[in-house]
Every structure is written in structure tokens, then in C-alpha cells.
Amino acid sequence: MAAEPSLADKHTAGGGLKSELATFKRRRIREEAAHLFFQQGYESATIDAIAERLKVTKPFIYSYYKNKGEILFDISRLGISVSLEALDNCLASPGSPWDRLKLIVDKVTRLILDNEENIVVYLREEKNLDETSAREIRELRSLFDHRLGNLLLEGTNSGEFTVDNPVLTATTIGGMMSWVALWYTPGGHWSETEVLATLIQNVARMVHSPIRIETLDMESRKTTEATKHSASTTPITGLKK
């Protein structure tokens, strides 16, 4: 799945061919930097290495980003922004609070896995952002948590959920989804379908939805049974080292 345009990209869009080219070049720089930060770590990666991967000069990089920290900020902002956009789309969908919550866990987790490198870099390297950039990322993450928390509050008020602290619970759910990017390996011990089913099942327990839990337990057992034999004879490879 191709990465979504960042907020910076969107701000430069719509200004004709020159802006489109600038957006494309920024995106390519960001993509190669994300690969490098993911593989080597932010501190070990250099502007020289990014330029070498793109077969361009350092001045070319600096004409679009003032420093390495600004590239990290753009990657981090993309990581949370695509999740926030998916959340908003799910919240606007029809259905009960549980229908929308289940959709959120499914769609956002899939998106996180599709954008694994950006998400891992964002989670792992946030400590290297300057204070202004880190504050903006925290504000975007807070928006995600509070909007999801409002859904949990809606479900609690309707009697579908039992949640004492909606925002804290939403933050926990968001963390569960994000951290999948750090340990999930395609083709590993657990399939993507099994991971998603287990996450949804665990979220149902967190919001205390007994009817949903019973239904999901049955669905999860069917999913697990399909891979039970191979799981018992195959070494665990679903975790990243």
C-alpha cells in the first residue's frame, strides 16, 4: 500500500506542476529516510546516506528539508496522521458504538501494518524530536485518544460498554494497535487475521461487552483451530528480534 501524503505534502498540493514535483521529491526523500531510520536507527543514519540512496546530492536534500530532524518529524507526523484519518472515517460510519469500535481496531491496525516502517520509526525515534515537533505529535496523538474516548463514552452512556475512564482506555487501545508494528512479522507464527481477531477480542474484554465477548470467543476459536496444527509443529517466528 502506498504511503498517504503527509500534511506537509497536502499543503503544497494544488499549486500546479511545480508544487506537484516538490511534493513528489519530498515524499521520495521521506520514504528513503524512513527505510534508513528503520534499518539503522535515526542516530546512525546520515543525510549523506539518504542522498546516496536517492543518488542525489546533500544540497538537494537540504533544499526540501532543513535538517535530519525535520525529516523525522515529517515521518512521525505521517504515522499518526494516517491513523487519525482512518479513525475519523470509522467514527463517521453507521452502526452501534461496538460496530464502530470493532471497525476502528480492524482498519487502524491494518493501516499500521501497511505503514510499518513509518510507525516503527515514529514510536522508536520520538525521543529524538525537538520539543516543538514532539509537542505537535503529542497533540495529534491526543486527538486520536480523545476522539476514540468519546466513542467509548457514547457506548458507556448507551449501556453497551462499561468503561470507567474512556480516555485512558482509548489510550491503551491505541497503544495495543500501534505496538503490533513492532513485533508482527508477515508469514510468522500468527496470521494477520488471527492477530486482528485477538486484538478485537481483547478490546471487547477491555470495554466489558459480555455478549460481544462470547461471540468473538467462538470466532477466535474457529480462527485458531485453522492454524493449530501448524502452530504446534512450527517454531515461533511471529515475533521480531
C-alpha atoms as a PDB file:
ATOM      1  CA  MET A   1       0.000   0.000   0.000  1.00  0.00           C
ATOM      2  CA  ALA A   2       1.462   3.368  -0.969  1.00  0.00           C
ATOM      3  CA  ALA A   3       2.033   5.844   1.822  1.00  0.00           C
ATOM      4  CA  GLU A   4      -0.546   8.577   2.177  1.00  0.00           C
ATOM      5  CA  PRO A   5       0.601  12.178   1.583  1.00  0.00           C
ATOM      6  CA  SER A   6       1.777  13.907   4.730  1.00  0.00           C
ATOM      7  CA  LEU A   7       0.210  17.133   5.954  1.00  0.00           C
ATOM      8  CA  ALA A   8       3.175  18.995   4.501  1.00  0.00           C
ATOM      9  CA  ASP A   9       2.576  17.320   1.145  1.00  0.00           C
ATOM     10  CA  LYS A  10      -1.090  18.279   1.227  1.00  0.00           C
ATOM     11  CA  HIS A  11      -0.199  21.878   1.974  1.00  0.00           C
ATOM     12  CA  THR A  12       1.933  22.073  -1.170  1.00  0.00           C
ATOM     13  CA  ALA A  13      -0.594  20.279  -3.377  1.00  0.00           C
ATOM     14  CA  GLY A  14      -2.891  22.136  -5.735  1.00  0.00           C
ATOM     15  CA  GLY A  15      -0.319  24.692  -6.841  1.00  0.00           C
ATOM     16  CA  GLY A  16       0.361  23.355 -10.306  1.00  0.00           C
ATOM     17  CA  LEU A  17       3.130  21.187 -11.738  1.00  0.00           C
ATOM     18  CA  LYS A  18       5.889  22.828  -9.695  1.00  0.00           C
ATOM     19  CA  SER A  19       4.123  22.062  -6.428  1.00  0.00           C
ATOM     20  CA  GLU A  20       3.370  18.517  -7.563  1.00  0.00           C
ATOM     21  CA  LEU A  21       7.048  17.935  -8.314  1.00  0.00           C
ATOM     22  CA  ALA A  22       8.056  19.394  -4.949  1.00  0.00           C
ATOM     23  CA  THR A  23       5.556  17.124  -3.203  1.00  0.00           C
ATOM     24  CA  PHE A  24       6.888  14.093  -5.071  1.00  0.00           C
ATOM     25  CA  LYS A  25      10.507  14.920  -4.213  1.00  0.00           C
ATOM     26  CA  ARG A  26       9.741  15.468  -0.530  1.00  0.00           C
ATOM     27  CA  ARG A  27       7.872  12.177  -0.470  1.00  0.00           C
ATOM     28  CA  ARG A  28      10.789  10.284  -2.029  1.00  0.00           C
ATOM     29  CA  ILE A  29      13.222  11.804   0.463  1.00  0.00           C
ATOM     30  CA  ARG A  30      10.902  10.890   3.319  1.00  0.00           C
ATOM     31  CA  GLU A  31      10.434   7.322   2.056  1.00  0.00           C
ATOM     32  CA  GLU A  32      14.152   6.641   1.720  1.00  0.00           C
ATOM     33  CA  ALA A  33      14.862   8.272   5.072  1.00  0.00           C
ATOM     34  CA  ALA A  34      12.179   6.101   6.688  1.00  0.00           C
ATOM     35  CA  HIS A  35      13.805   2.964   5.233  1.00  0.00           C
ATOM     36  CA  LEU A  36      17.176   4.069   6.589  1.00  0.00           C
ATOM     37  CA  PHE A  37      15.894   5.118  10.037  1.00  0.00           C
ATOM     38  CA  PHE A  38      14.003   1.816  10.265  1.00  0.00           C
ATOM     39  CA  GLN A  39      17.041  -0.273   9.324  1.00  0.00           C
ATOM     40  CA  GLN A  40      19.856   1.616  11.058  1.00  0.00           C
ATOM     41  CA  GLY A  41      18.190   3.848  13.634  1.00  0.00           C
ATOM     42  CA  TYR A  42      17.835   7.623  13.455  1.00  0.00           C
ATOM     43  CA  GLU A  43      21.108   8.445  15.186  1.00  0.00           C
ATOM     44  CA  SER A  44      23.197   6.188  12.940  1.00  0.00           C
ATOM     45  CA  ALA A  45      21.613   7.370   9.696  1.00  0.00           C
ATOM     46  CA  THR A  46      23.072  10.410   7.942  1.00  0.00           C
ATOM     47  CA  ILE A  47      21.979  12.894   5.312  1.00  0.00           C
ATOM     48  CA  ASP A  48      24.859  11.592   3.182  1.00  0.00           C
ATOM     49  CA  ALA A  49      23.402   8.083   3.325  1.00  0.00           C
ATOM     50  CA  ILE A  50      19.923   9.339   2.392  1.00  0.00           C
ATOM     51  CA  ALA A  51      21.382  11.259  -0.553  1.00  0.00           C
ATOM     52  CA  GLU A  52      23.353   8.206  -1.649  1.00  0.00           C
ATOM     53  CA  ARG A  53      20.231   6.016  -1.632  1.00  0.00           C
ATOM     54  CA  LEU A  54      18.426   8.579  -3.786  1.00  0.00           C
ATOM     55  CA  LYS A  55      21.502   9.179  -5.978  1.00  0.00           C
ATOM     56  CA  VAL A  56      21.300  12.923  -5.341  1.00  0.00           C
ATOM     57  CA  THR A  57      23.485  15.474  -3.588  1.00  0.00           C
ATOM     58  CA  LYS A  58      23.215  16.696   0.001  1.00  0.00           C
ATOM     59  CA  PRO A  59      22.202  20.197  -1.183  1.00  0.00           C
ATOM     60  CA  PHE A  60      19.239  18.572  -2.955  1.00  0.00           C
ATOM     61  CA  ILE A  61      18.072  17.105   0.373  1.00  0.00           C
ATOM     62  CA  TYR A  62      18.581  20.416   2.159  1.00  0.00           C
ATOM     63  CA  SER A  63      16.517  22.246  -0.454  1.00  0.00           C
ATOM     64  CA  TYR A  64      13.460  20.326   0.834  1.00  0.00           C
ATOM     65  CA  TYR A  65      14.329  19.658   4.477  1.00  0.00           C
ATOM     66  CA  LYS A  66      16.440  21.934   6.639  1.00  0.00           C
ATOM     67  CA  ASN A  67      17.893  19.049   8.666  1.00  0.00           C
ATOM     68  CA  LYS A  68      17.522  15.386   9.564  1.00  0.00           C
ATOM     69  CA  GLY A  69      15.225  16.242  12.460  1.00  0.00           C
ATOM     70  CA  GLU A  70      12.690  17.819  10.118  1.00  0.00           C
ATOM     71  CA  ILE A  71      12.588  14.608   8.071  1.00  0.00           C
ATOM     72  CA  LEU A  72      11.972  12.601  11.248  1.00  0.00           C
ATOM     73  CA  PHE A  73       9.154  14.966  12.161  1.00  0.00           C
ATOM     74  CA  ASP A  74       7.525  14.515   8.743  1.00  0.00           C
ATOM     75  CA  ILE A  75       7.745  10.716   9.078  1.00  0.00           C
ATOM     76  CA  SER A  76       6.317  10.806  12.604  1.00  0.00           C
ATOM     77  CA  ARG A  77       3.523  13.155  11.602  1.00  0.00           C
ATOM     78  CA  LEU A  78       2.586  10.861   8.722  1.00  0.00           C
ATOM     79  CA  GLY A  79       2.483   7.894  11.095  1.00  0.00           C
ATOM     80  CA  ILE A  80      -0.111   9.437  13.406  1.00  0.00           C
ATOM     81  CA  SER A  81      -1.980  11.393  10.703  1.00  0.00           C
ATOM     82  CA  VAL A  82      -2.938   8.353   8.611  1.00  0.00           C
ATOM     83  CA  SER A  83      -4.207   6.621  11.764  1.00  0.00           C
ATOM     84  CA  LEU A  84      -6.202   9.695  12.753  1.00  0.00           C
ATOM     85  CA  GLU A  85      -7.777   9.929   9.301  1.00  0.00           C
ATOM     86  CA  ALA A  86      -8.765   6.241   9.423  1.00  0.00           C
ATOM     87  CA  LEU A  87     -10.235   6.749  12.894  1.00  0.00           C
ATOM     88  CA  ASP A  88     -12.359   9.665  11.703  1.00  0.00           C
ATOM     89  CA  ASN A  89     -13.651   7.651   8.736  1.00  0.00           C
ATOM     90  CA  CYS A  90     -14.655   4.785  11.034  1.00  0.00           C
ATOM     91  CA  LEU A  91     -16.309   7.115  13.542  1.00  0.00           C
ATOM     92  CA  ALA A  92     -18.423   8.551  10.719  1.00  0.00           C
ATOM     93  CA  SER A  93     -19.609   5.086   9.708  1.00  0.00           C
ATOM     94  CA  PRO A  94     -23.121   3.883  10.618  1.00  0.00           C
ATOM     95  CA  GLY A  95     -23.658   1.358  13.377  1.00  0.00           C
ATOM     96  CA  SER A  96     -23.571   0.953  17.126  1.00  0.00           C
ATOM     97  CA  PRO A  97     -20.593   2.042  19.263  1.00  0.00           C
ATOM     98  CA  TRP A  98     -19.356  -1.565  19.204  1.00  0.00           C
ATOM     99  CA  ASP A  99     -19.720  -1.805  15.410  1.00  0.00           C
ATOM    100  CA  ARG A 100     -17.588   1.312  15.019  1.00  0.00           C
ATOM    101  CA  LEU A 101     -15.066   0.288  17.674  1.00  0.00           C
ATOM    102  CA  LYS A 102     -14.557  -3.091  16.020  1.00  0.00           C
ATOM    103  CA  LEU A 103     -14.161  -1.350  12.646  1.00  0.00           C
ATOM    104  CA  ILE A 104     -11.587   1.030  14.137  1.00  0.00           C
ATOM    105  CA  VAL A 105      -9.464  -1.785  15.557  1.00  0.00           C
ATOM    106  CA  ASP A 106      -9.581  -3.624  12.230  1.00  0.00           C
ATOM    107  CA  LYS A 107      -8.951  -0.676   9.899  1.00  0.00           C
ATOM    108  CA  VAL A 108      -6.389   1.190  12.004  1.00  0.00           C
ATOM    109  CA  THR A 109      -4.368  -1.947  12.783  1.00  0.00           C
ATOM    110  CA  ARG A 110      -4.313  -2.935   9.103  1.00  0.00           C
ATOM    111  CA  LEU A 111      -3.177   0.587   8.226  1.00  0.00           C
ATOM    112  CA  ILE A 112      -0.444   0.421  10.866  1.00  0.00           C
ATOM    113  CA  LEU A 113       0.828  -2.854   9.399  1.00  0.00           C
ATOM    114  CA  ASP A 114       0.728  -1.404   5.875  1.00  0.00           C
ATOM    115  CA  ASN A 115       2.768   1.601   7.069  1.00  0.00           C
ATOM    116  CA  GLU A 116       5.037  -0.421   9.346  1.00  0.00           C
ATOM    117  CA  GLU A 117       8.268   1.481   8.771  1.00  0.00           C
ATOM    118  CA  ASN A 118       6.749   4.916   9.408  1.00  0.00           C
ATOM    119  CA  ILE A 119       5.001   3.676  12.559  1.00  0.00           C
ATOM    120  CA  VAL A 120       8.084   1.929  13.959  1.00  0.00           C
ATOM    121  CA  VAL A 121      10.258   4.979  13.309  1.00  0.00           C
ATOM    122  CA  TYR A 122       7.636   7.211  14.936  1.00  0.00           C
ATOM    123  CA  LEU A 123       7.395   5.011  18.043  1.00  0.00           C
ATOM    124  CA  ARG A 124      11.088   4.298  18.377  1.00  0.00           C
ATOM    125  CA  GLU A 125      12.582   7.672  17.497  1.00  0.00           C
ATOM    126  CA  GLU A 126      10.107  10.139  19.011  1.00  0.00           C
ATOM    127  CA  LYS A 127      12.690  10.896  21.704  1.00  0.00           C
ATOM    128  CA  ASN A 128      14.893  12.471  19.018  1.00  0.00           C
ATOM    129  CA  LEU A 129      12.329  15.107  18.005  1.00  0.00           C
ATOM    130  CA  ASP A 130      12.867  18.677  19.142  1.00  0.00           C
ATOM    131  CA  GLU A 131      10.391  19.952  21.730  1.00  0.00           C
ATOM    132  CA  THR A 132       8.220  21.884  19.266  1.00  0.00           C
ATOM    133  CA  SER A 133       7.905  18.912  16.921  1.00  0.00           C
ATOM    134  CA  ALA A 134       7.331  16.479  19.788  1.00  0.00           C
ATOM    135  CA  ARG A 135       4.553  18.713  21.137  1.00  0.00           C
ATOM    136  CA  GLU A 136       2.743  18.708  17.777  1.00  0.00           C
ATOM    137  CA  ILE A 137       2.985  14.912  17.577  1.00  0.00           C
ATOM    138  CA  ARG A 138       1.632  14.599  21.129  1.00  0.00           C
ATOM    139  CA  GLU A 139      -1.274  16.888  20.224  1.00  0.00           C
ATOM    140  CA  LEU A 140      -2.173  14.720  17.215  1.00  0.00           C
ATOM    141  CA  ARG A 141      -1.948  11.594  19.344  1.00  0.00           C
ATOM    142  CA  SER A 142      -4.108  13.253  21.986  1.00  0.00           C
ATOM    143  CA  LEU A 143      -6.736  13.978  19.312  1.00  0.00           C
ATOM    144  CA  PHE A 144      -6.783  10.282  18.439  1.00  0.00           C
ATOM    145  CA  ASP A 145      -7.147   9.236  22.079  1.00  0.00           C
ATOM    146  CA  HIS A 146      -9.893  11.750  22.870  1.00  0.00           C
ATOM    147  CA  ARG A 147     -11.942  11.004  19.749  1.00  0.00           C
ATOM    148  CA  LEU A 148     -11.746   7.292  20.464  1.00  0.00           C
ATOM    149  CA  GLY A 149     -12.519   8.057  24.103  1.00  0.00           C
ATOM    150  CA  ASN A 150     -15.679   9.884  23.057  1.00  0.00           C
ATOM    151  CA  LEU A 151     -16.843   6.724  21.287  1.00  0.00           C
ATOM    152  CA  LEU A 152     -16.215   4.686  24.444  1.00  0.00           C
ATOM    153  CA  LEU A 153     -18.167   7.261  26.444  1.00  0.00           C
ATOM    154  CA  GLU A 154     -21.034   7.041  23.950  1.00  0.00           C
ATOM    155  CA  GLY A 155     -21.069   3.266  24.323  1.00  0.00           C
ATOM    156  CA  THR A 156     -20.976   3.538  28.110  1.00  0.00           C
ATOM    157  CA  ASN A 157     -23.858   6.023  28.165  1.00  0.00           C
ATOM    158  CA  SER A 158     -25.932   3.717  25.959  1.00  0.00           C
ATOM    159  CA  GLY A 159     -25.227   0.744  28.225  1.00  0.00           C
ATOM    160  CA  GLU A 160     -23.243  -1.166  25.617  1.00  0.00           C
ATOM    161  CA  PHE A 161     -19.862  -0.662  27.345  1.00  0.00           C
ATOM    162  CA  THR A 162     -18.699  -0.406  30.938  1.00  0.00           C
ATOM    163  CA  VAL A 163     -15.696   1.919  30.900  1.00  0.00           C
ATOM    164  CA  ASP A 164     -14.680   3.958  33.953  1.00  0.00           C
ATOM    165  CA  ASN A 165     -12.025   6.079  32.238  1.00  0.00           C
ATOM    166  CA  PRO A 166     -12.767   6.414  28.493  1.00  0.00           C
ATOM    167  CA  VAL A 167      -9.672   8.424  27.507  1.00  0.00           C
ATOM    168  CA  LEU A 168      -7.237   6.218  29.433  1.00  0.00           C
ATOM    169  CA  THR A 169      -8.878   3.118  27.969  1.00  0.00           C
ATOM    170  CA  ALA A 170      -8.713   4.671  24.491  1.00  0.00           C
ATOM    171  CA  THR A 171      -5.011   5.417  25.006  1.00  0.00           C
ATOM    172  CA  THR A 172      -4.446   1.787  25.974  1.00  0.00           C
ATOM    173  CA  ILE A 173      -6.312   0.524  22.911  1.00  0.00           C
ATOM    174  CA  GLY A 174      -4.317   2.870  20.681  1.00  0.00           C
ATOM    175  CA  GLY A 175      -1.096   1.563  22.191  1.00  0.00           C
ATOM    176  CA  MET A 176      -2.126  -2.048  21.571  1.00  0.00           C
ATOM    177  CA  MET A 177      -2.720  -1.300  17.903  1.00  0.00           C
ATOM    178  CA  SER A 178       0.461   0.733  17.403  1.00  0.00           C
ATOM    179  CA  TRP A 179       2.766  -1.776  19.046  1.00  0.00           C
ATOM    180  CA  VAL A 180       1.706  -4.515  16.625  1.00  0.00           C
ATOM    181  CA  ALA A 181       4.069  -2.832  14.139  1.00  0.00           C
ATOM    182  CA  LEU A 182       6.990  -3.538  16.475  1.00  0.00           C
ATOM    183  CA  TRP A 183       6.512  -7.274  16.834  1.00  0.00           C
ATOM    184  CA  TYR A 184       4.373  -8.628  13.989  1.00  0.00           C
ATOM    185  CA  THR A 185       6.142 -10.418  11.129  1.00  0.00           C
ATOM    186  CA  PRO A 186       4.246 -11.373   7.947  1.00  0.00           C
ATOM    187  CA  GLY A 187       4.375 -15.126   7.460  1.00  0.00           C
ATOM    188  CA  GLY A 188       5.261 -15.650  11.105  1.00  0.00           C
ATOM    189  CA  HIS A 189       3.621 -17.729  13.829  1.00  0.00           C
ATOM    190  CA  TRP A 190       0.368 -15.735  13.769  1.00  0.00           C
ATOM    191  CA  SER A 191      -1.504 -14.696  10.653  1.00  0.00           C
ATOM    192  CA  GLU A 192      -2.750 -11.134  10.261  1.00  0.00           C
ATOM    193  CA  THR A 193      -6.312 -12.450  10.543  1.00  0.00           C
ATOM    194  CA  GLU A 194      -5.530 -14.173  13.840  1.00  0.00           C
ATOM    195  CA  VAL A 195      -3.800 -11.085  15.245  1.00  0.00           C
ATOM    196  CA  LEU A 196      -6.754  -8.868  14.329  1.00  0.00           C
ATOM    197  CA  ALA A 197      -9.271 -11.331  15.795  1.00  0.00           C
ATOM    198  CA  THR A 198      -7.319 -11.488  19.063  1.00  0.00           C
ATOM    199  CA  LEU A 199      -6.987  -7.705  19.289  1.00  0.00           C
ATOM    200  CA  ILE A 200     -10.720  -7.246  18.756  1.00  0.00           C
ATOM    201  CA  GLN A 201     -11.441  -9.933  21.340  1.00  0.00           C
ATOM    202  CA  ASN A 202      -9.148  -8.247  23.887  1.00  0.00           C
ATOM    203  CA  VAL A 203     -10.700  -4.838  23.223  1.00  0.00           C
ATOM    204  CA  ALA A 204     -14.160  -6.346  23.798  1.00  0.00           C
ATOM    205  CA  ARG A 205     -12.965  -7.516  27.206  1.00  0.00           C
ATOM    206  CA  MET A 206     -11.495  -4.099  27.999  1.00  0.00           C
ATOM    207  CA  VAL A 207     -14.808  -2.356  27.403  1.00  0.00           C
ATOM    208  CA  HIS A 208     -16.736  -5.133  29.184  1.00  0.00           C
ATOM    209  CA  SER A 209     -19.100  -6.120  26.414  1.00  0.00           C
ATOM    210  CA  PRO A 210     -20.153  -9.652  27.523  1.00  0.00           C
ATOM    211  CA  ILE A 211     -22.353 -10.501  24.528  1.00  0.00           C
ATOM    212  CA  ARG A 212     -19.641  -9.397  22.130  1.00  0.00           C
ATOM    213  CA  ILE A 213     -17.000 -11.353  24.065  1.00  0.00           C
ATOM    214  CA  GLU A 214     -18.989 -14.593  23.813  1.00  0.00           C
ATOM    215  CA  THR A 215     -19.470 -14.151  20.066  1.00  0.00           C
ATOM    216  CA  LEU A 216     -15.828 -13.240  19.497  1.00  0.00           C
ATOM    217  CA  ASP A 217     -14.614 -16.174  21.600  1.00  0.00           C
ATOM    218  CA  MET A 218     -16.407 -18.501  19.186  1.00  0.00           C
ATOM    219  CA  GLU A 219     -14.959 -16.684  16.153  1.00  0.00           C
ATOM    220  CA  SER A 220     -11.461 -16.717  17.651  1.00  0.00           C
ATOM    221  CA  ARG A 221     -11.622 -20.449  18.387  1.00  0.00           C
ATOM    222  CA  LYS A 222     -12.510 -21.106  14.749  1.00  0.00           C
ATOM    223  CA  THR A 223      -9.608 -18.935  13.555  1.00  0.00           C
ATOM    224  CA  THR A 224      -7.157 -20.540  15.973  1.00  0.00           C
ATOM    225  CA  GLU A 225      -8.276 -24.082  15.121  1.00  0.00           C
ATOM    226  CA  ALA A 226      -7.412 -23.488  11.468  1.00  0.00           C
ATOM    227  CA  THR A 227      -3.755 -22.854  12.369  1.00  0.00           C
ATOM    228  CA  LYS A 228      -3.483 -25.059  15.464  1.00  0.00           C
ATOM    229  CA  HIS A 229      -1.694 -27.984  13.821  1.00  0.00           C
ATOM    230  CA  SER A 230       0.965 -25.859  12.117  1.00  0.00           C
ATOM    231  CA  ALA A 231       1.466 -23.815  15.278  1.00  0.00           C
ATOM    232  CA  SER A 232       2.234 -26.939  17.304  1.00  0.00           C
ATOM    233  CA  THR A 233       4.936 -28.098  14.894  1.00  0.00           C
ATOM    234  CA  THR A 234       6.479 -24.804  13.804  1.00  0.00           C
ATOM    235  CA  PRO A 235       8.939 -22.667  15.840  1.00  0.00           C
ATOM    236  CA  ILE A 236       7.589 -19.293  16.886  1.00  0.00           C
ATOM    237  CA  THR A 237       8.669 -16.760  14.263  1.00  0.00           C
ATOM    238  CA  GLY A 238       5.927 -14.186  14.631  1.00  0.00           C
ATOM    239  CA  LEU A 239       7.957 -12.005  16.970  1.00  0.00           C
ATOM    240  CA  LYS A 240      10.624  -9.620  15.786  1.00  0.00           C
ATOM    241  CA  LYS A 241      14.011  -9.982  17.360  1.00  0.00           C
END
